[in-house]
Amino acid sequence: MQNSLESKTIFLTGACGGLGSALALELCLQQADVIISDKNPRSLNIMCDKIVEQGGKEPMVYPMDLVGATPNDFYQLYETIEKNIGKLDALVHTAAEFSGLTEFSHYEATRWLQEMQINLNSPIFLTQALLPLLKKSHGSILFTTENLDTVAKAYWGAYGTTKAGINHFAAILKEEMEDFKVSVDTISPQPMKTQLRAKAWPAETDKGLVQPEIVVERYIKLLNMTIGR
């Protein structure tokens, strides 16, 4: 029986992170044509080898540092996908930047701007650049967000602000894309055992935390439901 994600082209950001790497593996195991993206080319190549070793379909690699990326860089990505593949069925955002809980009065401007760029500006303009391909395929866009009640509290700074912004942007885009039959959804993962979470709760035990592989099931289910609906 053919997997419903088999041969579907999916662009994944943050592919070397805790959640992103688990999702990349599962998508490749389901024989999707996955384009994995992250800032470190060497890490991407290592992960590519691991995926193949575990029986997954070899992914395509597209290194991209979201800190310095511009709308023109995202348009070049669009041109590359259109020229070499011809289609895009889904865009999944898992890339994130978080340096720890900090009182706003002590927040450095450079850190604030970097977190805004990676967590908010880049996913928005990356989505904009790839929309023409997603409209053609009646594709799916998934944004990774957070429990907004948690990140609206003290010390969450730019990270909390960006996650609220992404939620708001996704709601706007969802309405705009209805006539084009492009699905736009957000996923707020349950607390996971990742390096990013450890920056917020360094003394936290593993009790109550789930492995990213468990959360991945939600992404797979949603992609199965929304691609080409």
C-alpha atoms as a PDB file:
ATOM      1  CA  MET A   1       0.000   0.000   0.000  1.00  0.00           C
ATOM      2  CA  GLN A   2       1.402   3.389  -1.009  1.00  0.00           C
ATOM      3  CA  ASN A   3       2.062   5.902   1.769  1.00  0.00           C
ATOM      4  CA  SER A   4      -0.017   9.040   1.261  1.00  0.00           C
ATOM      5  CA  LEU A   5       3.147  11.125   1.681  1.00  0.00           C
ATOM      6  CA  GLU A   6       5.157   9.068  -0.796  1.00  0.00           C
ATOM      7  CA  SER A   7       6.713  11.279  -3.475  1.00  0.00           C
ATOM      8  CA  LYS A   8       5.230  14.406  -1.895  1.00  0.00           C
ATOM      9  CA  THR A   9       7.749  17.258  -1.917  1.00  0.00           C
ATOM     10  CA  ILE A  10       8.174  18.828   1.511  1.00  0.00           C
ATOM     11  CA  PHE A  11      10.484  21.674   2.550  1.00  0.00           C
ATOM     12  CA  LEU A  12      11.510  21.474   6.213  1.00  0.00           C
ATOM     13  CA  THR A  13      13.284  24.217   8.160  1.00  0.00           C
ATOM     14  CA  GLY A  14      15.234  23.597  11.365  1.00  0.00           C
ATOM     15  CA  ALA A  15      15.947  20.089  10.166  1.00  0.00           C
ATOM     16  CA  CYS A  16      18.892  19.565  12.524  1.00  0.00           C
ATOM     17  CA  GLY A  17      16.990  20.487  15.682  1.00  0.00           C
ATOM     18  CA  GLY A  18      15.455  18.019  18.107  1.00  0.00           C
ATOM     19  CA  LEU A  19      11.993  18.171  16.567  1.00  0.00           C
ATOM     20  CA  GLY A  20      13.173  18.860  13.020  1.00  0.00           C
ATOM     21  CA  SER A  21      15.537  15.899  12.847  1.00  0.00           C
ATOM     22  CA  ALA A  22      12.887  13.492  14.157  1.00  0.00           C
ATOM     23  CA  LEU A  23      10.384  14.832  11.630  1.00  0.00           C
ATOM     24  CA  ALA A  24      12.882  14.649   8.767  1.00  0.00           C
ATOM     25  CA  LEU A  25      13.553  10.991   9.511  1.00  0.00           C
ATOM     26  CA  GLU A  26       9.886  10.040   9.689  1.00  0.00           C
ATOM     27  CA  LEU A  27       9.037  11.867   6.464  1.00  0.00           C
ATOM     28  CA  CYS A  28      11.900  10.115   4.683  1.00  0.00           C
ATOM     29  CA  LEU A  29      10.831   6.756   6.101  1.00  0.00           C
ATOM     30  CA  GLN A  30       7.428   7.441   4.536  1.00  0.00           C
ATOM     31  CA  GLN A  31       9.214   7.968   1.201  1.00  0.00           C
ATOM     32  CA  ALA A  32       8.452  11.675   0.899  1.00  0.00           C
ATOM     33  CA  ASP A  33      10.781  13.835  -1.184  1.00  0.00           C
ATOM     34  CA  VAL A  34      12.105  15.968   1.653  1.00  0.00           C
ATOM     35  CA  ILE A  35      14.255  19.069   1.304  1.00  0.00           C
ATOM     36  CA  ILE A  36      15.999  19.507   4.643  1.00  0.00           C
ATOM     37  CA  SER A  37      17.277  22.951   5.554  1.00  0.00           C
ATOM     38  CA  ASP A  38      19.356  24.327   8.412  1.00  0.00           C
ATOM     39  CA  LYS A  39      22.271  26.692   8.855  1.00  0.00           C
ATOM     40  CA  ASN A  40      25.091  24.122   9.105  1.00  0.00           C
ATOM     41  CA  PRO A  41      25.869  22.248   5.856  1.00  0.00           C
ATOM     42  CA  ARG A  42      28.027  19.671   7.649  1.00  0.00           C
ATOM     43  CA  SER A  43      25.248  18.848  10.125  1.00  0.00           C
ATOM     44  CA  LEU A  44      22.785  18.475   7.266  1.00  0.00           C
ATOM     45  CA  ASN A  45      25.073  16.050   5.433  1.00  0.00           C
ATOM     46  CA  ILE A  46      25.610  13.988   8.586  1.00  0.00           C
ATOM     47  CA  MET A  47      21.873  13.809   9.157  1.00  0.00           C
ATOM     48  CA  CYS A  48      21.318  12.858   5.536  1.00  0.00           C
ATOM     49  CA  ASP A  49      23.659   9.875   5.986  1.00  0.00           C
ATOM     50  CA  LYS A  50      21.873   8.833   9.190  1.00  0.00           C
ATOM     51  CA  ILE A  51      18.495   8.925   7.478  1.00  0.00           C
ATOM     52  CA  VAL A  52      19.721   6.682   4.676  1.00  0.00           C
ATOM     53  CA  GLU A  53      21.359   4.319   7.174  1.00  0.00           C
ATOM     54  CA  GLN A  54      17.988   3.940   8.933  1.00  0.00           C
ATOM     55  CA  GLY A  55      16.199   3.071   5.706  1.00  0.00           C
ATOM     56  CA  GLY A  56      14.753   6.447   4.832  1.00  0.00           C
ATOM     57  CA  LYS A  57      14.604   7.950   1.366  1.00  0.00           C
ATOM     58  CA  GLU A  58      17.642  10.169   0.824  1.00  0.00           C
ATOM     59  CA  PRO A  59      16.617  13.800   1.376  1.00  0.00           C
ATOM     60  CA  MET A  60      17.731  16.804  -0.608  1.00  0.00           C
ATOM     61  CA  VAL A  61      19.904  19.297   1.289  1.00  0.00           C
ATOM     62  CA  TYR A  62      19.477  23.058   1.158  1.00  0.00           C
ATOM     63  CA  PRO A  63      21.678  24.939   3.687  1.00  0.00           C
ATOM     64  CA  MET A  64      20.274  28.309   4.684  1.00  0.00           C
ATOM     65  CA  ASP A  65      21.134  30.551   7.618  1.00  0.00           C
ATOM     66  CA  LEU A  66      17.907  32.341   8.512  1.00  0.00           C
ATOM     67  CA  VAL A  67      19.750  35.051  10.451  1.00  0.00           C
ATOM     68  CA  GLY A  68      21.165  36.631   7.326  1.00  0.00           C
ATOM     69  CA  ALA A  69      18.562  35.420   4.830  1.00  0.00           C
ATOM     70  CA  THR A  70      16.726  38.034   2.775  1.00  0.00           C
ATOM     71  CA  PRO A  71      13.542  37.898   0.688  1.00  0.00           C
ATOM     72  CA  ASN A  72      15.803  37.594  -2.364  1.00  0.00           C
ATOM     73  CA  ASP A  73      17.400  34.443  -0.872  1.00  0.00           C
ATOM     74  CA  PHE A  74      13.951  32.950  -0.422  1.00  0.00           C
ATOM     75  CA  TYR A  75      13.024  33.817  -3.989  1.00  0.00           C
ATOM     76  CA  GLN A  76      16.183  32.046  -5.185  1.00  0.00           C
ATOM     77  CA  LEU A  77      14.982  28.997  -3.234  1.00  0.00           C
ATOM     78  CA  TYR A  78      11.642  29.217  -5.037  1.00  0.00           C
ATOM     79  CA  GLU A  79      13.414  29.327  -8.396  1.00  0.00           C
ATOM     80  CA  THR A  80      15.599  26.355  -7.463  1.00  0.00           C
ATOM     81  CA  ILE A  81      12.621  24.217  -6.462  1.00  0.00           C
ATOM     82  CA  GLU A  82      10.589  25.226  -9.506  1.00  0.00           C
ATOM     83  CA  LYS A  83      13.467  24.535 -11.910  1.00  0.00           C
ATOM     84  CA  ASN A  84      14.739  21.271 -10.416  1.00  0.00           C
ATOM     85  CA  ILE A  85      11.609  19.689  -8.934  1.00  0.00           C
ATOM     86  CA  GLY A  86       8.669  21.577 -10.373  1.00  0.00           C
ATOM     87  CA  LYS A  87       6.396  21.348  -7.373  1.00  0.00           C
ATOM     88  CA  LEU A  88       6.086  21.768  -3.619  1.00  0.00           C
ATOM     89  CA  ASP A  89       3.403  20.030  -1.577  1.00  0.00           C
ATOM     90  CA  ALA A  90       4.189  21.264   1.929  1.00  0.00           C
ATOM     91  CA  LEU A  91       6.243  23.763   3.884  1.00  0.00           C
ATOM     92  CA  VAL A  92       6.962  22.887   7.504  1.00  0.00           C
ATOM     93  CA  HIS A  93       8.553  25.402   9.873  1.00  0.00           C
ATOM     94  CA  THR A  94      10.426  23.993  12.883  1.00  0.00           C
ATOM     95  CA  ALA A  95      13.447  26.334  12.984  1.00  0.00           C
ATOM     96  CA  ALA A  96      13.673  28.270  16.254  1.00  0.00           C
ATOM     97  CA  GLU A  97      16.076  30.493  18.163  1.00  0.00           C
ATOM     98  CA  PHE A  98      15.923  30.879  21.942  1.00  0.00           C
ATOM     99  CA  SER A  99      18.779  31.868  24.196  1.00  0.00           C
ATOM    100  CA  GLY A 100      17.091  31.603  27.573  1.00  0.00           C
ATOM    101  CA  LEU A 101      14.739  33.481  29.877  1.00  0.00           C
ATOM    102  CA  THR A 102      15.806  37.116  30.337  1.00  0.00           C
ATOM    103  CA  GLU A 103      14.312  40.218  31.901  1.00  0.00           C
ATOM    104  CA  PHE A 104      13.538  42.671  29.111  1.00  0.00           C
ATOM    105  CA  SER A 105      15.581  45.489  30.651  1.00  0.00           C
ATOM    106  CA  HIS A 106      18.670  43.289  30.170  1.00  0.00           C
ATOM    107  CA  TYR A 107      17.822  42.152  26.621  1.00  0.00           C
ATOM    108  CA  GLU A 108      20.531  43.004  24.113  1.00  0.00           C
ATOM    109  CA  ALA A 109      19.214  44.579  20.916  1.00  0.00           C
ATOM    110  CA  THR A 110      21.272  42.247  18.722  1.00  0.00           C
ATOM    111  CA  ARG A 111      19.809  39.185  20.420  1.00  0.00           C
ATOM    112  CA  TRP A 112      16.257  40.553  20.140  1.00  0.00           C
ATOM    113  CA  LEU A 113      16.666  41.248  16.438  1.00  0.00           C
ATOM    114  CA  GLN A 114      18.193  37.813  15.797  1.00  0.00           C
ATOM    115  CA  GLU A 115      15.336  35.989  17.506  1.00  0.00           C
ATOM    116  CA  MET A 116      12.792  38.107  15.648  1.00  0.00           C
ATOM    117  CA  GLN A 117      14.523  37.336  12.364  1.00  0.00           C
ATOM    118  CA  ILE A 118      14.698  33.558  12.820  1.00  0.00           C
ATOM    119  CA  ASN A 119      11.371  33.002  14.561  1.00  0.00           C
ATOM    120  CA  LEU A 120       9.130  35.534  12.811  1.00  0.00           C
ATOM    121  CA  ASN A 121      10.494  37.445   9.820  1.00  0.00           C
ATOM    122  CA  SER A 122      12.192  34.551   8.022  1.00  0.00           C
ATOM    123  CA  PRO A 123       9.273  32.109   8.205  1.00  0.00           C
ATOM    124  CA  ILE A 124       6.919  34.812   6.975  1.00  0.00           C
ATOM    125  CA  PHE A 125       9.004  35.796   3.948  1.00  0.00           C
ATOM    126  CA  LEU A 126       9.993  32.197   3.216  1.00  0.00           C
ATOM    127  CA  THR A 127       6.303  31.335   3.119  1.00  0.00           C
ATOM    128  CA  GLN A 128       5.594  34.286   0.835  1.00  0.00           C
ATOM    129  CA  ALA A 129       8.279  33.194  -1.629  1.00  0.00           C
ATOM    130  CA  LEU A 130       7.008  29.611  -1.831  1.00  0.00           C
ATOM    131  CA  LEU A 131       3.282  30.391  -1.987  1.00  0.00           C
ATOM    132  CA  PRO A 132       3.070  30.199  -5.805  1.00  0.00           C
ATOM    133  CA  LEU A 133       4.221  26.570  -5.701  1.00  0.00           C
ATOM    134  CA  LEU A 134       1.947  25.704  -2.778  1.00  0.00           C
ATOM    135  CA  LYS A 135      -1.063  27.240  -4.522  1.00  0.00           C
ATOM    136  CA  LYS A 136      -0.471  25.059  -7.583  1.00  0.00           C
ATOM    137  CA  SER A 137      -0.388  21.884  -5.499  1.00  0.00           C
ATOM    138  CA  HIS A 138      -3.148  22.847  -3.047  1.00  0.00           C
ATOM    139  CA  GLY A 139      -0.428  22.328  -0.493  1.00  0.00           C
ATOM    140  CA  SER A 140      -0.005  22.609   3.241  1.00  0.00           C
ATOM    141  CA  ILE A 141       1.843  25.051   5.501  1.00  0.00           C
ATOM    142  CA  LEU A 142       2.626  24.107   9.103  1.00  0.00           C
ATOM    143  CA  PHE A 143       3.991  26.576  11.638  1.00  0.00           C
ATOM    144  CA  THR A 144       5.432  25.402  14.949  1.00  0.00           C
ATOM    145  CA  THR A 145       4.335  27.581  17.832  1.00  0.00           C
ATOM    146  CA  GLU A 146       4.081  27.356  21.626  1.00  0.00           C
ATOM    147  CA  ASN A 147       1.516  27.400  24.398  1.00  0.00           C
ATOM    148  CA  LEU A 148       0.787  31.121  24.286  1.00  0.00           C
ATOM    149  CA  ASP A 149      -0.271  31.231  27.933  1.00  0.00           C
ATOM    150  CA  THR A 150       3.230  30.095  28.877  1.00  0.00           C
ATOM    151  CA  VAL A 151       5.278  32.326  26.601  1.00  0.00           C
ATOM    152  CA  ALA A 152       3.189  35.432  27.422  1.00  0.00           C
ATOM    153  CA  LYS A 153       4.640  35.426  30.941  1.00  0.00           C
ATOM    154  CA  ALA A 154       7.633  37.317  32.292  1.00  0.00           C
ATOM    155  CA  TYR A 155      11.115  36.789  30.823  1.00  0.00           C
ATOM    156  CA  TRP A 156      10.030  35.168  27.548  1.00  0.00           C
ATOM    157  CA  GLY A 157      11.045  38.291  25.632  1.00  0.00           C
ATOM    158  CA  ALA A 158      11.485  38.039  21.877  1.00  0.00           C
ATOM    159  CA  TYR A 159      10.743  34.313  21.751  1.00  0.00           C
ATOM    160  CA  GLY A 160       7.315  34.754  23.341  1.00  0.00           C
ATOM    161  CA  THR A 161       6.622  37.767  21.147  1.00  0.00           C
ATOM    162  CA  THR A 162       7.516  35.909  17.950  1.00  0.00           C
ATOM    163  CA  LYS A 163       5.357  32.898  18.778  1.00  0.00           C
ATOM    164  CA  ALA A 164       2.360  35.152  19.371  1.00  0.00           C
ATOM    165  CA  GLY A 165       3.173  36.882  16.088  1.00  0.00           C
ATOM    166  CA  ILE A 166       3.364  33.614  14.156  1.00  0.00           C
ATOM    167  CA  ASN A 167       0.023  32.509  15.569  1.00  0.00           C
ATOM    168  CA  HIS A 168      -1.556  35.785  14.475  1.00  0.00           C
ATOM    169  CA  PHE A 169       0.072  35.671  11.041  1.00  0.00           C
ATOM    170  CA  ALA A 170      -1.031  32.070  10.490  1.00  0.00           C
ATOM    171  CA  ALA A 171      -4.649  32.999  11.286  1.00  0.00           C
ATOM    172  CA  ILE A 172      -4.543  35.820   8.724  1.00  0.00           C
ATOM    173  CA  LEU A 173      -2.885  33.651   6.068  1.00  0.00           C
ATOM    174  CA  LYS A 174      -5.329  30.805   6.666  1.00  0.00           C
ATOM    175  CA  GLU A 175      -8.257  33.012   5.662  1.00  0.00           C
ATOM    176  CA  GLU A 176      -6.407  34.419   2.647  1.00  0.00           C
ATOM    177  CA  MET A 177      -5.526  30.940   1.366  1.00  0.00           C
ATOM    178  CA  GLU A 178      -8.991  29.393   1.631  1.00  0.00           C
ATOM    179  CA  ASP A 179      -9.920  30.197  -1.978  1.00  0.00           C
ATOM    180  CA  PHE A 180      -6.605  28.695  -3.149  1.00  0.00           C
ATOM    181  CA  LYS A 181      -7.182  25.492  -1.139  1.00  0.00           C
ATOM    182  CA  VAL A 182      -3.851  25.882   0.668  1.00  0.00           C
ATOM    183  CA  SER A 183      -4.047  24.609   4.240  1.00  0.00           C
ATOM    184  CA  VAL A 184      -2.436  26.751   6.937  1.00  0.00           C
ATOM    185  CA  ASP A 185      -2.111  25.296  10.422  1.00  0.00           C
ATOM    186  CA  THR A 186      -0.143  25.713  13.636  1.00  0.00           C
ATOM    187  CA  ILE A 187       1.087  23.010  15.967  1.00  0.00           C
ATOM    188  CA  SER A 188       1.974  23.710  19.576  1.00  0.00           C
ATOM    189  CA  PRO A 189       3.977  20.659  20.670  1.00  0.00           C
ATOM    190  CA  GLN A 190       3.624  19.264  24.148  1.00  0.00           C
ATOM    191  CA  PRO A 191       6.703  19.697  26.363  1.00  0.00           C
ATOM    192  CA  MET A 192       9.562  17.828  24.692  1.00  0.00           C
ATOM    193  CA  LYS A 193      13.000  16.693  25.769  1.00  0.00           C
ATOM    194  CA  THR A 194      15.065  19.031  23.593  1.00  0.00           C
ATOM    195  CA  GLN A 195      18.048  21.343  23.969  1.00  0.00           C
ATOM    196  CA  LEU A 196      15.803  24.345  23.329  1.00  0.00           C
ATOM    197  CA  ARG A 197      13.534  23.506  26.268  1.00  0.00           C
ATOM    198  CA  ALA A 198      16.538  22.915  28.513  1.00  0.00           C
ATOM    199  CA  LYS A 199      17.516  26.556  28.016  1.00  0.00           C
ATOM    200  CA  ALA A 200      14.276  27.620  29.709  1.00  0.00           C
ATOM    201  CA  TRP A 201      14.184  24.932  32.417  1.00  0.00           C
ATOM    202  CA  PRO A 202      17.780  23.691  32.911  1.00  0.00           C
ATOM    203  CA  ALA A 203      16.964  21.927  36.188  1.00  0.00           C
ATOM    204  CA  GLU A 204      13.872  20.175  34.844  1.00  0.00           C
ATOM    205  CA  THR A 205      13.743  16.387  35.045  1.00  0.00           C
ATOM    206  CA  ASP A 206      12.570  14.223  32.163  1.00  0.00           C
ATOM    207  CA  LYS A 207       9.328  13.441  33.970  1.00  0.00           C
ATOM    208  CA  GLY A 208       6.385  14.713  31.959  1.00  0.00           C
ATOM    209  CA  LEU A 209       8.463  15.351  28.849  1.00  0.00           C
ATOM    210  CA  VAL A 210       7.958  13.458  25.616  1.00  0.00           C
ATOM    211  CA  GLN A 211      10.478  12.565  22.976  1.00  0.00           C
ATOM    212  CA  PRO A 212      10.211  14.546  19.723  1.00  0.00           C
ATOM    213  CA  GLU A 213       9.320  11.309  17.913  1.00  0.00           C
ATOM    214  CA  ILE A 214       5.960  11.332  19.738  1.00  0.00           C
ATOM    215  CA  VAL A 215       5.178  14.894  18.638  1.00  0.00           C
ATOM    216  CA  VAL A 216       6.115  14.061  15.050  1.00  0.00           C
ATOM    217  CA  GLU A 217       3.008  11.884  14.814  1.00  0.00           C
ATOM    218  CA  ARG A 218       0.863  15.038  14.946  1.00  0.00           C
ATOM    219  CA  TYR A 219       2.752  16.591  12.030  1.00  0.00           C
ATOM    220  CA  ILE A 220       2.453  13.437   9.935  1.00  0.00           C
ATOM    221  CA  LYS A 221      -1.267  13.123  10.639  1.00  0.00           C
ATOM    222  CA  LEU A 222      -1.925  16.756   9.744  1.00  0.00           C
ATOM    223  CA  LEU A 223       0.122  16.565   6.546  1.00  0.00           C
ATOM    224  CA  ASN A 224      -1.768  13.441   5.512  1.00  0.00           C
ATOM    225  CA  MET A 225      -5.054  15.280   6.077  1.00  0.00           C
ATOM    226  CA  THR A 226      -4.178  18.541   4.348  1.00  0.00           C
ATOM    227  CA  ILE A 227      -1.849  17.978   1.390  1.00  0.00           C
ATOM    228  CA  GLY A 228      -3.856  18.201  -1.820  1.00  0.00           C
ATOM    229  CA  ARG A 229      -7.111  18.298   0.063  1.00  0.00           C
END
